[in-house]
Amino acid sequence: HLVIQWRKSYAAGRLVDHSRDTAQDKRIKDLERMVGRLTMENELLKKAVQHTLQERSEDALIISGPGLSGGDAR
């Protein structure tokens, strides 16, 4: 009878001690937080690079100066 009670308690999650975090659980949580932060930083840096490249390509397309806009090519 005792084993049956233990099995029912285990199945209900009452035999697992959820109140204390092991050192490994804490390390996993810390690493997951770090991965999240680094993912956000990586996305931000990708957007900054795209923005910079777009600005550079737009600057390269600007053509100005005498003789370039007219039909007077010699």
C-alpha atoms as a PDB file:
ATOM      1  CA  HIS A   1       0.000   0.000   0.000  1.00  0.00           C
ATOM      2  CA  LEU A   2       2.819   2.388   0.790  1.00  0.00           C
ATOM      3  CA  VAL A   3       4.387   1.938  -2.642  1.00  0.00           C
ATOM      4  CA  ILE A   4       1.065   2.713  -4.312  1.00  0.00           C
ATOM      5  CA  GLN A   5       0.795   5.929  -2.277  1.00  0.00           C
ATOM      6  CA  TRP A   6       4.350   6.899  -3.252  1.00  0.00           C
ATOM      7  CA  ARG A   7       3.608   6.262  -6.917  1.00  0.00           C
ATOM      8  CA  LYS A   8       0.482   8.427  -6.752  1.00  0.00           C
ATOM      9  CA  SER A   9       2.383  11.174  -4.922  1.00  0.00           C
ATOM     10  CA  TYR A  10       5.210  11.006  -7.433  1.00  0.00           C
ATOM     11  CA  ALA A  11       2.794  11.168 -10.372  1.00  0.00           C
ATOM     12  CA  ALA A  12       1.162  14.236  -8.792  1.00  0.00           C
ATOM     13  CA  GLY A  13       4.570  15.886  -8.349  1.00  0.00           C
ATOM     14  CA  ARG A  14       4.453  15.904  -4.578  1.00  0.00           C
ATOM     15  CA  LEU A  15       7.673  13.943  -4.048  1.00  0.00           C
ATOM     16  CA  VAL A  16       9.880  16.364  -5.976  1.00  0.00           C
ATOM     17  CA  ASP A  17      11.362  19.182  -3.933  1.00  0.00           C
ATOM     18  CA  HIS A  18      10.707  22.289  -6.031  1.00  0.00           C
ATOM     19  CA  SER A  19      11.592  24.680  -3.232  1.00  0.00           C
ATOM     20  CA  ARG A  20      15.359  24.599  -3.669  1.00  0.00           C
ATOM     21  CA  ASP A  21      17.378  25.258  -6.783  1.00  0.00           C
ATOM     22  CA  THR A  22      20.486  23.248  -7.300  1.00  0.00           C
ATOM     23  CA  ALA A  23      23.680  24.919  -8.419  1.00  0.00           C
ATOM     24  CA  GLN A  24      23.174  23.377 -11.840  1.00  0.00           C
ATOM     25  CA  ASP A  25      19.626  24.783 -12.140  1.00  0.00           C
ATOM     26  CA  LYS A  26      20.891  28.236 -11.190  1.00  0.00           C
ATOM     27  CA  ARG A  27      23.678  27.992 -13.765  1.00  0.00           C
ATOM     28  CA  ILE A  28      21.182  26.962 -16.447  1.00  0.00           C
ATOM     29  CA  LYS A  29      18.923  29.916 -15.624  1.00  0.00           C
ATOM     30  CA  ASP A  30      21.889  32.301 -15.718  1.00  0.00           C
ATOM     31  CA  LEU A  31      23.031  30.938 -19.077  1.00  0.00           C
ATOM     32  CA  GLU A  32      19.518  31.154 -20.523  1.00  0.00           C
ATOM     33  CA  ARG A  33      19.333  34.794 -19.430  1.00  0.00           C
ATOM     34  CA  MET A  34      22.729  35.450 -21.032  1.00  0.00           C
ATOM     35  CA  VAL A  35      21.655  33.797 -24.299  1.00  0.00           C
ATOM     36  CA  GLY A  36      18.551  35.980 -24.375  1.00  0.00           C
ATOM     37  CA  ARG A  37      20.546  39.155 -23.768  1.00  0.00           C
ATOM     38  CA  LEU A  38      23.170  38.244 -26.375  1.00  0.00           C
ATOM     39  CA  THR A  39      20.454  37.408 -28.901  1.00  0.00           C
ATOM     40  CA  MET A  40      18.907  40.851 -28.432  1.00  0.00           C
ATOM     41  CA  GLU A  41      22.321  42.545 -28.732  1.00  0.00           C
ATOM     42  CA  ASN A  42      23.082  40.541 -31.873  1.00  0.00           C
ATOM     43  CA  GLU A  43      19.808  41.598 -33.503  1.00  0.00           C
ATOM     44  CA  LEU A  44      20.494  45.233 -32.603  1.00  0.00           C
ATOM     45  CA  LEU A  45      23.973  45.067 -34.120  1.00  0.00           C
ATOM     46  CA  LYS A  46      22.638  43.453 -37.295  1.00  0.00           C
ATOM     47  CA  LYS A  47      20.147  46.298 -37.686  1.00  0.00           C
ATOM     48  CA  ALA A  48      22.874  48.873 -37.077  1.00  0.00           C
ATOM     49  CA  VAL A  49      25.071  47.301 -39.768  1.00  0.00           C
ATOM     50  CA  GLN A  50      22.156  47.213 -42.224  1.00  0.00           C
ATOM     51  CA  HIS A  51      21.387  50.863 -41.481  1.00  0.00           C
ATOM     52  CA  THR A  52      25.025  51.882 -41.966  1.00  0.00           C
ATOM     53  CA  LEU A  53      25.321  49.959 -45.230  1.00  0.00           C
ATOM     54  CA  GLN A  54      22.089  51.493 -46.491  1.00  0.00           C
ATOM     55  CA  GLU A  55      23.313  55.007 -45.675  1.00  0.00           C
ATOM     56  CA  ARG A  56      26.607  54.360 -47.436  1.00  0.00           C
ATOM     57  CA  SER A  57      24.908  53.047 -50.549  1.00  0.00           C
ATOM     58  CA  GLU A  58      22.539  56.028 -50.600  1.00  0.00           C
ATOM     59  CA  ASP A  59      25.512  58.403 -50.258  1.00  0.00           C
ATOM     60  CA  ALA A  60      27.253  56.665 -53.154  1.00  0.00           C
ATOM     61  CA  LEU A  61      24.224  57.207 -55.405  1.00  0.00           C
ATOM     62  CA  ILE A  62      24.256  60.959 -54.994  1.00  0.00           C
ATOM     63  CA  ILE A  63      25.774  62.444 -58.137  1.00  0.00           C
ATOM     64  CA  SER A  64      26.224  66.174 -58.356  1.00  0.00           C
ATOM     65  CA  GLY A  65      28.364  68.669 -60.076  1.00  0.00           C
ATOM     66  CA  PRO A  66      28.456  70.743 -63.241  1.00  0.00           C
ATOM     67  CA  GLY A  67      27.914  68.973 -66.526  1.00  0.00           C
ATOM     68  CA  LEU A  68      26.580  65.716 -65.084  1.00  0.00           C
ATOM     69  CA  SER A  69      22.896  66.535 -65.203  1.00  0.00           C
ATOM     70  CA  GLY A  70      22.791  68.204 -68.608  1.00  0.00           C
ATOM     71  CA  GLY A  71      22.831  66.643 -72.032  1.00  0.00           C
ATOM     72  CA  ASP A  72      26.090  68.369 -72.908  1.00  0.00           C
ATOM     73  CA  ALA A  73      28.356  65.324 -72.909  1.00  0.00           C
ATOM     74  CA  ARG A  74      31.548  65.852 -74.924  1.00  0.00           C
END
